[in-house]
Amino acid sequence: MKINIKATNLELTSAIKNYIEKKIGSLEKFLKKIEAQSEIEAYVEISKITRHHHKGEVFYAELNLNLPHKLLRLEEKSTNLYSAIDMLKDKARAQISKIKSKTNLRKPK
C-alpha cells in the first residue's frame, strides 16, 4: 500500500509521518485480498483547523483509500493529533470489514 501524506497549517515532522505510516500501514493486513487485485493508495491529510483556535476540536485527519471500484473517505477531528489519527484508523478498519463482509455475501463459494 502506498501512503501519501499532506499537512496543512502544521509542520509534518518525521515523528508524525512515522506514526501515520505505522497506523495507516497496519490496515494493509485487512486489505490483502483486495490489494492482490491492484495497488491500493492511501491519501492522508492532517491539519490544524485554525491558527487561533485553542479549545475544542483543533486537529483534523482525513483518509482517502482508493480501493478497486470504490473510494473510502473518512475524517476525524480531535483535540490531539495522534488521537485523531487513531480514531481514523479504527473507523477505517470498521469500514473495510463492512465492505469485505458485503462482498463475501455476494460471491458464491
Protein backbone atom coordinates (compact mmCIF):
# COMPACT_ATOMS: atom_id res chain seq x y z
CA MET A 1 0.00 0.00 0.00
CA LYS A 2 1.28 3.42 -0.95
CA ILE A 3 0.67 6.18 1.62
CA ASN A 4 0.70 9.87 0.62
CA ILE A 5 0.68 12.40 3.47
CA LYS A 6 -0.21 16.08 3.32
CA ALA A 7 -0.03 18.54 6.25
CA THR A 8 -1.91 21.84 6.32
CA ASN A 9 -1.31 24.61 8.87
CA LEU A 10 1.21 22.48 10.78
CA GLU A 11 4.67 21.07 10.24
CA LEU A 12 4.94 17.45 9.15
CA THR A 13 7.67 16.16 11.42
CA SER A 14 9.30 12.78 10.99
CA ALA A 15 7.61 11.58 14.21
CA ILE A 16 4.15 12.43 12.86
CA LYS A 17 4.98 10.91 9.48
CA ASN A 18 6.23 7.67 11.05
CA TYR A 19 3.15 7.49 13.30
CA ILE A 20 0.79 7.87 10.32
CA GLU A 21 2.70 5.28 8.29
CA LYS A 22 2.59 2.85 11.22
CA LYS A 23 -1.13 3.28 11.95
CA ILE A 24 -2.46 3.51 8.39
CA GLY A 25 0.04 0.88 7.21
CA SER A 26 -1.45 -1.54 9.75
CA LEU A 27 -4.65 -1.51 7.66
CA GLU A 28 -2.76 -3.36 4.94
CA LYS A 29 -3.29 -6.73 6.63
CA PHE A 30 -7.07 -6.24 6.27
CA LEU A 31 -6.67 -5.39 2.59
CA LYS A 32 -4.56 -8.36 1.45
CA LYS A 33 -7.24 -9.95 -0.76
CA ILE A 34 -8.28 -6.60 -2.16
CA GLU A 35 -4.69 -5.49 -2.76
CA ALA A 36 -3.96 -8.65 -4.73
CA GLN A 37 -6.22 -7.23 -7.46
CA SER A 38 -4.48 -3.84 -7.69
CA GLU A 39 -2.24 -1.43 -5.79
CA ILE A 40 -4.09 0.46 -3.07
CA GLU A 41 -3.26 4.10 -2.45
CA ALA A 42 -3.98 5.91 0.80
CA TYR A 43 -4.09 9.69 0.92
CA VAL A 44 -3.85 11.12 4.43
CA GLU A 45 -4.30 14.80 5.20
CA ILE A 46 -3.71 16.22 8.65
CA SER A 47 -4.27 19.81 9.60
CA LYS A 48 -4.73 22.27 12.36
CA ILE A 49 -8.19 23.69 11.74
CA THR A 50 -7.39 27.29 12.64
CA ARG A 51 -4.35 29.10 13.93
CA HIS A 52 -6.16 30.97 16.72
CA HIS A 53 -8.36 28.09 17.91
CA HIS A 54 -7.19 26.93 21.34
CA LYS A 55 -10.11 24.92 22.73
CA GLY A 56 -12.24 22.13 21.34
CA GLU A 57 -11.52 20.12 18.22
CA VAL A 58 -8.35 21.69 16.87
CA PHE A 59 -6.86 18.88 14.76
CA TYR A 60 -8.33 17.26 11.67
CA ALA A 61 -7.33 13.99 10.00
CA GLU A 62 -8.72 12.71 6.69
CA LEU A 63 -8.14 9.41 4.91
CA ASN A 64 -8.97 8.58 1.29
CA LEU A 65 -8.45 4.94 0.31
CA ASN A 66 -8.62 4.11 -3.38
CA LEU A 67 -9.99 0.58 -3.41
CA PRO A 68 -10.92 -1.24 -6.64
CA HIS A 69 -14.29 0.15 -7.74
CA LYS A 70 -14.69 2.15 -4.51
CA LEU A 71 -13.35 5.25 -2.79
CA LEU A 72 -13.38 5.13 1.00
CA ARG A 73 -13.28 8.61 2.55
CA LEU A 74 -13.13 9.13 6.31
CA GLU A 75 -12.45 12.10 8.55
CA GLU A 76 -11.97 12.76 12.25
CA LYS A 77 -11.49 15.80 14.50
CA SER A 78 -9.92 15.83 17.93
CA THR A 79 -8.08 17.94 20.47
CA ASN A 80 -4.99 15.77 19.94
CA LEU A 81 -3.48 15.00 16.52
CA TYR A 82 -2.42 11.47 17.47
CA SER A 83 -5.86 10.57 18.82
CA ALA A 84 -7.46 11.88 15.61
CA ILE A 85 -5.18 9.54 13.63
CA ASP A 86 -6.04 6.62 15.95
CA MET A 87 -9.79 7.24 15.61
CA LEU A 88 -9.37 7.49 11.84
CA LYS A 89 -7.61 4.12 11.72
CA ASP A 90 -10.30 2.47 13.84
CA LYS A 91 -13.06 3.90 11.68
CA ALA A 92 -11.27 2.75 8.51
CA ARG A 93 -10.84 -0.76 9.89
CA ALA A 94 -14.56 -0.98 10.65
CA GLN A 95 -15.49 0.24 7.17
CA ILE A 96 -13.09 -2.21 5.49
CA SER A 97 -14.58 -5.10 7.48
CA LYS A 98 -18.06 -3.98 6.46
CA ILE A 99 -17.06 -3.84 2.78
CA LYS A 100 -15.39 -7.25 2.96
CA SER A 101 -18.42 -8.86 4.59
CA LYS A 102 -20.75 -7.45 1.94
CA THR A 103 -18.58 -8.72 -0.91
CA ASN A 104 -18.25 -12.16 0.73
CA LEU A 105 -22.04 -12.45 0.90
CA ARG A 106 -22.42 -11.82 -2.80
CA LYS A 107 -19.83 -14.29 -4.05
CA PRO A 108 -20.86 -17.95 -4.24
CA LYS A 109 -18.49 -20.44 -2.63
